[in-house]
């Protein structure tokens, strides 16, 4: 009985056997030949997938420096460009959604908290400015009504006419209705009850 054995060994950059491929040719002595192919592969330490080709290896994770990465499980931080394994990869949901490392994720969360705080301050400032504008508008309308009433008094005094009570009552009623309308409108716009 004769045997012929061929072995092809693929090694990584550190000299470790990555994949072994062997062919075994056996002759049983009676003229029958038997050819056997065997193939064994190393495992990716990140995703536990068999790796047979040297081109599938991507290196060691830059964050944990323990697990290796292959073509299937390797990813990259979109902010600092570190190589990440499946366990060190984090997600940030926006805006915009990103794949990041743990350090960059903390920075993004802090930035988002600051932006939210600034947005709340801007909203409260805008509300206060709107309330002040409404108060100034109501004050201006009251002054205009008082000026109109004083103008009527002066006109009546110039003409030396007796006051027409009906006209004055109607003007007072209109002034009160206008003030009530403005007060109600201002409270609805400012969110006051």
C-alpha atoms as a PDB file:
ATOM      1  CA  UNK A   1       0.000   0.000   0.000  1.00  0.00           C
ATOM      2  CA  UNK A   2       1.345   3.395  -1.021  1.00  0.00           C
ATOM      3  CA  UNK A   3       0.319   6.872   0.075  1.00  0.00           C
ATOM      4  CA  UNK A   4       1.084  10.248  -1.413  1.00  0.00           C
ATOM      5  CA  UNK A   5       0.234  13.265   0.714  1.00  0.00           C
ATOM      6  CA  UNK A   6       0.241  16.914  -0.407  1.00  0.00           C
ATOM      7  CA  UNK A   7      -0.343  19.740   2.046  1.00  0.00           C
ATOM      8  CA  UNK A   8      -0.994  23.416   1.325  1.00  0.00           C
ATOM      9  CA  UNK A   9      -0.748  25.600   4.437  1.00  0.00           C
ATOM     10  CA  UNK A  10      -1.912  29.215   4.488  1.00  0.00           C
ATOM     11  CA  UNK A  11      -0.312  31.236   7.276  1.00  0.00           C
ATOM     12  CA  UNK A  12      -1.230  34.644   8.653  1.00  0.00           C
ATOM     13  CA  UNK A  13       1.213  37.511   9.281  1.00  0.00           C
ATOM     14  CA  UNK A  14       2.288  36.041  12.641  1.00  0.00           C
ATOM     15  CA  UNK A  15       3.126  32.629  11.186  1.00  0.00           C
ATOM     16  CA  UNK A  16       0.094  30.801  12.588  1.00  0.00           C
ATOM     17  CA  UNK A  17      -1.571  28.245  10.337  1.00  0.00           C
ATOM     18  CA  UNK A  18      -4.731  29.796   9.036  1.00  0.00           C
ATOM     19  CA  UNK A  19      -5.975  27.084   6.691  1.00  0.00           C
ATOM     20  CA  UNK A  20      -4.691  23.641   5.770  1.00  0.00           C
ATOM     21  CA  UNK A  21      -5.667  21.906   2.550  1.00  0.00           C
ATOM     22  CA  UNK A  22      -4.435  18.374   1.909  1.00  0.00           C
ATOM     23  CA  UNK A  23      -4.750  15.812  -0.835  1.00  0.00           C
ATOM     24  CA  UNK A  24      -4.159  12.166  -0.061  1.00  0.00           C
ATOM     25  CA  UNK A  25      -3.684   9.584  -2.837  1.00  0.00           C
ATOM     26  CA  UNK A  26      -3.791   5.951  -1.674  1.00  0.00           C
ATOM     27  CA  UNK A  27      -3.077   2.758  -3.637  1.00  0.00           C
ATOM     28  CA  UNK A  28      -4.432  -0.425  -2.026  1.00  0.00           C
ATOM     29  CA  UNK A  29      -2.090  -2.699  -3.971  1.00  0.00           C
ATOM     30  CA  UNK A  30      -4.692  -4.186  -6.287  1.00  0.00           C
ATOM     31  CA  UNK A  31      -4.735  -1.242  -8.703  1.00  0.00           C
ATOM     32  CA  UNK A  32      -7.493   0.826  -7.133  1.00  0.00           C
ATOM     33  CA  UNK A  33      -6.609   4.456  -6.377  1.00  0.00           C
ATOM     34  CA  UNK A  34      -8.416   6.559  -3.828  1.00  0.00           C
ATOM     35  CA  UNK A  35      -8.110  10.370  -3.754  1.00  0.00           C
ATOM     36  CA  UNK A  36      -9.171  12.239  -0.610  1.00  0.00           C
ATOM     37  CA  UNK A  37      -9.362  16.018  -0.216  1.00  0.00           C
ATOM     38  CA  UNK A  38      -9.342  17.508   3.279  1.00  0.00           C
ATOM     39  CA  UNK A  39      -9.648  21.114   4.191  1.00  0.00           C
ATOM     40  CA  UNK A  40      -9.498  22.725   7.606  1.00  0.00           C
ATOM     41  CA  UNK A  41      -9.769  26.403   8.390  1.00  0.00           C
ATOM     42  CA  UNK A  42      -9.065  28.727  11.265  1.00  0.00           C
ATOM     43  CA  UNK A  43     -11.780  30.636  13.055  1.00  0.00           C
ATOM     44  CA  UNK A  44     -12.421  34.361  13.266  1.00  0.00           C
ATOM     45  CA  UNK A  45     -12.171  35.263  16.949  1.00  0.00           C
ATOM     46  CA  UNK A  46     -14.815  37.964  16.499  1.00  0.00           C
ATOM     47  CA  UNK A  47     -17.692  36.125  14.819  1.00  0.00           C
ATOM     48  CA  UNK A  48     -16.542  32.453  15.033  1.00  0.00           C
ATOM     49  CA  UNK A  49     -16.774  32.021  11.273  1.00  0.00           C
ATOM     50  CA  UNK A  50     -14.301  29.747   9.470  1.00  0.00           C
ATOM     51  CA  UNK A  51     -11.625  31.619   7.508  1.00  0.00           C
ATOM     52  CA  UNK A  52      -9.889  29.817   4.688  1.00  0.00           C
ATOM     53  CA  UNK A  53      -8.428  32.692   2.701  1.00  0.00           C
ATOM     54  CA  UNK A  54      -5.853  35.199   3.877  1.00  0.00           C
ATOM     55  CA  UNK A  55      -7.750  38.015   2.129  1.00  0.00           C
ATOM     56  CA  UNK A  56     -10.719  37.588   4.500  1.00  0.00           C
ATOM     57  CA  UNK A  57      -8.772  38.716   7.566  1.00  0.00           C
ATOM     58  CA  UNK A  58      -9.088  42.406   8.463  1.00  0.00           C
ATOM     59  CA  UNK A  59      -6.936  42.589  11.615  1.00  0.00           C
ATOM     60  CA  UNK A  60      -7.477  43.082  15.344  1.00  0.00           C
ATOM     61  CA  UNK A  61     -10.109  45.364  16.857  1.00  0.00           C
ATOM     62  CA  UNK A  62      -8.636  48.786  17.728  1.00  0.00           C
ATOM     63  CA  UNK A  63     -10.826  49.188  20.840  1.00  0.00           C
ATOM     64  CA  UNK A  64     -10.502  45.911  22.771  1.00  0.00           C
ATOM     65  CA  UNK A  65      -7.299  44.622  21.050  1.00  0.00           C
ATOM     66  CA  UNK A  66      -8.435  41.051  21.789  1.00  0.00           C
ATOM     67  CA  UNK A  67     -10.763  39.895  19.041  1.00  0.00           C
ATOM     68  CA  UNK A  68      -9.829  39.698  15.395  1.00  0.00           C
ATOM     69  CA  UNK A  69     -12.062  40.792  12.570  1.00  0.00           C
ATOM     70  CA  UNK A  70     -12.852  39.222   9.243  1.00  0.00           C
ATOM     71  CA  UNK A  71     -14.581  40.443   6.118  1.00  0.00           C
ATOM     72  CA  UNK A  72     -18.003  39.597   7.610  1.00  0.00           C
ATOM     73  CA  UNK A  73     -17.764  41.115  11.090  1.00  0.00           C
ATOM     74  CA  UNK A  74     -15.386  44.059  10.557  1.00  0.00           C
ATOM     75  CA  UNK A  75     -16.774  47.550  10.785  1.00  0.00           C
ATOM     76  CA  UNK A  76     -15.312  50.998  11.210  1.00  0.00           C
ATOM     77  CA  UNK A  77     -16.186  53.924  13.465  1.00  0.00           C
ATOM     78  CA  UNK A  78     -17.613  56.610  11.191  1.00  0.00           C
ATOM     79  CA  UNK A  79     -16.095  59.403  13.286  1.00  0.00           C
ATOM     80  CA  UNK A  80     -12.575  58.325  14.267  1.00  0.00           C
ATOM     81  CA  UNK A  81     -12.107  55.484  11.692  1.00  0.00           C
ATOM     82  CA  UNK A  82     -11.115  52.841  14.256  1.00  0.00           C
ATOM     83  CA  UNK A  83     -11.499  49.202  13.258  1.00  0.00           C
ATOM     84  CA  UNK A  84     -14.273  47.613  15.376  1.00  0.00           C
ATOM     85  CA  UNK A  85     -15.276  44.039  16.111  1.00  0.00           C
ATOM     86  CA  UNK A  86     -18.900  43.015  16.557  1.00  0.00           C
ATOM     87  CA  UNK A  87     -18.807  43.394  20.346  1.00  0.00           C
ATOM     88  CA  UNK A  88     -17.204  46.849  20.424  1.00  0.00           C
ATOM     89  CA  UNK A  89     -19.456  48.318  17.732  1.00  0.00           C
ATOM     90  CA  UNK A  90     -22.084  50.795  18.992  1.00  0.00           C
ATOM     91  CA  UNK A  91     -24.928  52.547  17.288  1.00  0.00           C
ATOM     92  CA  UNK A  92     -25.978  56.180  17.540  1.00  0.00           C
ATOM     93  CA  UNK A  93     -29.528  56.817  16.423  1.00  0.00           C
ATOM     94  CA  UNK A  94     -29.267  60.222  15.252  1.00  0.00           C
ATOM     95  CA  UNK A  95     -29.475  62.513  13.637  1.00  0.00           C
ATOM     96  CA  UNK A  96     -27.729  61.161  11.559  1.00  0.00           C
ATOM     97  CA  UNK A  97     -27.574  57.451  12.484  1.00  0.00           C
ATOM     98  CA  UNK A  98     -23.959  56.269  12.770  1.00  0.00           C
ATOM     99  CA  UNK A  99     -21.856  53.228  13.640  1.00  0.00           C
ATOM    100  CA  UNK A 100     -19.416  54.417  16.293  1.00  0.00           C
ATOM    101  CA  UNK A 101     -17.075  53.222  19.041  1.00  0.00           C
ATOM    102  CA  UNK A 102     -17.909  53.660  22.754  1.00  0.00           C
ATOM    103  CA  UNK A 103     -15.781  56.819  23.133  1.00  0.00           C
ATOM    104  CA  UNK A 104     -17.378  58.571  20.164  1.00  0.00           C
ATOM    105  CA  UNK A 105     -20.834  57.464  21.311  1.00  0.00           C
ATOM    106  CA  UNK A 106     -20.321  59.253  24.657  1.00  0.00           C
ATOM    107  CA  UNK A 107     -19.186  62.404  22.845  1.00  0.00           C
ATOM    108  CA  UNK A 108     -22.224  62.319  20.555  1.00  0.00           C
ATOM    109  CA  UNK A 109     -24.595  61.857  23.504  1.00  0.00           C
ATOM    110  CA  UNK A 110     -22.998  64.831  25.294  1.00  0.00           C
ATOM    111  CA  UNK A 111     -23.284  66.954  22.143  1.00  0.00           C
ATOM    112  CA  UNK A 112     -26.935  65.979  21.751  1.00  0.00           C
ATOM    113  CA  UNK A 113     -27.668  66.917  25.389  1.00  0.00           C
ATOM    114  CA  UNK A 114     -26.098  70.363  24.862  1.00  0.00           C
ATOM    115  CA  UNK A 115     -28.095  70.876  21.653  1.00  0.00           C
ATOM    116  CA  UNK A 116     -31.346  69.893  23.399  1.00  0.00           C
ATOM    117  CA  UNK A 117     -30.613  72.300  26.265  1.00  0.00           C
ATOM    118  CA  UNK A 118     -29.928  75.148  23.804  1.00  0.00           C
ATOM    119  CA  UNK A 119     -33.133  74.360  21.918  1.00  0.00           C
ATOM    120  CA  UNK A 120     -35.185  74.524  25.130  1.00  0.00           C
ATOM    121  CA  UNK A 121     -33.579  77.870  26.026  1.00  0.00           C
ATOM    122  CA  UNK A 122     -34.343  79.242  22.564  1.00  0.00           C
ATOM    123  CA  UNK A 123     -37.979  78.110  22.809  1.00  0.00           C
ATOM    124  CA  UNK A 124     -38.448  79.715  26.242  1.00  0.00           C
ATOM    125  CA  UNK A 125     -36.802  82.936  24.968  1.00  0.00           C
ATOM    126  CA  UNK A 126     -39.140  83.034  21.954  1.00  0.00           C
ATOM    127  CA  UNK A 127     -42.177  82.506  24.210  1.00  0.00           C
ATOM    128  CA  UNK A 128     -41.097  85.337  26.520  1.00  0.00           C
ATOM    129  CA  UNK A 129     -40.527  87.674  23.561  1.00  0.00           C
ATOM    130  CA  UNK A 130     -43.979  86.823  22.150  1.00  0.00           C
ATOM    131  CA  UNK A 131     -45.589  87.497  25.548  1.00  0.00           C
ATOM    132  CA  UNK A 132     -43.819  90.859  25.836  1.00  0.00           C
ATOM    133  CA  UNK A 133     -44.873  91.836  22.310  1.00  0.00           C
ATOM    134  CA  UNK A 134     -48.494  91.024  23.142  1.00  0.00           C
ATOM    135  CA  UNK A 135     -48.328  93.078  26.359  1.00  0.00           C
ATOM    136  CA  UNK A 136     -46.820  96.013  24.444  1.00  0.00           C
ATOM    137  CA  UNK A 137     -49.512  95.670  21.761  1.00  0.00           C
ATOM    138  CA  UNK A 138     -52.323  95.723  24.363  1.00  0.00           C
ATOM    139  CA  UNK A 139     -50.716  98.758  26.042  1.00  0.00           C
ATOM    140  CA  UNK A 140     -50.500 100.570  22.689  1.00  0.00           C
ATOM    141  CA  UNK A 141     -54.168  99.810  21.933  1.00  0.00           C
ATOM    142  CA  UNK A 142     -55.213 101.168  25.345  1.00  0.00           C
ATOM    143  CA  UNK A 143     -53.241 104.350  24.756  1.00  0.00           C
ATOM    144  CA  UNK A 144     -54.836 104.740  21.318  1.00  0.00           C
ATOM    145  CA  UNK A 145     -58.302 104.372  22.861  1.00  0.00           C
ATOM    146  CA  UNK A 146     -57.450 106.938  25.541  1.00  0.00           C
ATOM    147  CA  UNK A 147     -56.129 109.341  22.892  1.00  0.00           C
ATOM    148  CA  UNK A 148     -59.349 108.961  20.922  1.00  0.00           C
ATOM    149  CA  UNK A 149     -61.417 109.663  24.025  1.00  0.00           C
ATOM    150  CA  UNK A 150     -59.341 112.735  24.909  1.00  0.00           C
ATOM    151  CA  UNK A 151     -59.653 113.923  21.324  1.00  0.00           C
ATOM    152  CA  UNK A 152     -63.450 113.695  21.565  1.00  0.00           C
ATOM    153  CA  UNK A 153     -63.410 115.640  24.821  1.00  0.00           C
ATOM    154  CA  UNK A 154     -61.252 118.352  23.263  1.00  0.00           C
ATOM    155  CA  UNK A 155     -63.445 118.494  20.178  1.00  0.00           C
ATOM    156  CA  UNK A 156     -66.572 118.837  22.317  1.00  0.00           C
ATOM    157  CA  UNK A 157     -64.911 121.525  24.421  1.00  0.00           C
ATOM    158  CA  UNK A 158     -63.861 123.445  21.310  1.00  0.00           C
ATOM    159  CA  UNK A 159     -67.321 123.410  19.898  1.00  0.00           C
ATOM    160  CA  UNK A 160     -68.687 124.189  23.369  1.00  0.00           C
ATOM    161  CA  UNK A 161     -71.257 121.586  22.947  1.00  0.00           C
ATOM    162  CA  UNK A 162     -72.789 119.589  25.685  1.00  0.00           C
ATOM    163  CA  UNK A 163     -71.648 116.032  25.761  1.00  0.00           C
ATOM    164  CA  UNK A 164     -73.841 113.661  23.992  1.00  0.00           C
ATOM    165  CA  UNK A 165     -74.230 110.912  26.555  1.00  0.00           C
ATOM    166  CA  UNK A 166     -75.252 108.273  24.043  1.00  0.00           C
ATOM    167  CA  UNK A 167     -72.118 108.796  21.927  1.00  0.00           C
ATOM    168  CA  UNK A 168     -69.894 108.729  24.996  1.00  0.00           C
ATOM    169  CA  UNK A 169     -71.535 105.566  26.328  1.00  0.00           C
ATOM    170  CA  UNK A 170     -71.118 103.907  22.959  1.00  0.00           C
ATOM    171  CA  UNK A 171     -67.430 104.901  22.841  1.00  0.00           C
ATOM    172  CA  UNK A 172     -66.838 103.580  26.361  1.00  0.00           C
ATOM    173  CA  UNK A 173     -68.570 100.304  25.485  1.00  0.00           C
ATOM    174  CA  UNK A 174     -66.435  99.940  22.344  1.00  0.00           C
ATOM    175  CA  UNK A 175     -63.242 100.704  24.288  1.00  0.00           C
ATOM    176  CA  UNK A 176     -64.079  98.076  26.938  1.00  0.00           C
ATOM    177  CA  UNK A 177     -64.952  95.484  24.277  1.00  0.00           C
ATOM    178  CA  UNK A 178     -61.697  96.186  22.441  1.00  0.00           C
ATOM    179  CA  UNK A 179     -59.635  95.876  25.628  1.00  0.00           C
ATOM    180  CA  UNK A 180     -61.412  92.607  26.547  1.00  0.00           C
ATOM    181  CA  UNK A 181     -60.820  91.201  23.042  1.00  0.00           C
ATOM    182  CA  UNK A 182     -57.141  92.098  23.122  1.00  0.00           C
ATOM    183  CA  UNK A 183     -56.678  90.676  26.607  1.00  0.00           C
ATOM    184  CA  UNK A 184     -58.359  87.389  25.587  1.00  0.00           C
ATOM    185  CA  UNK A 185     -56.337  87.127  22.355  1.00  0.00           C
ATOM    186  CA  UNK A 186     -53.047  87.838  24.136  1.00  0.00           C
ATOM    187  CA  UNK A 187     -53.686  85.231  26.797  1.00  0.00           C
ATOM    188  CA  UNK A 188     -54.508  82.571  24.177  1.00  0.00           C
ATOM    189  CA  UNK A 189     -51.366  83.326  22.140  1.00  0.00           C
ATOM    190  CA  UNK A 190     -49.074  83.243  25.178  1.00  0.00           C
ATOM    191  CA  UNK A 191     -50.571  80.027  26.512  1.00  0.00           C
ATOM    192  CA  UNK A 192     -52.019  81.705  29.640  1.00  0.00           C
ATOM    193  CA  UNK A 193     -55.459  80.663  30.993  1.00  0.00           C
END
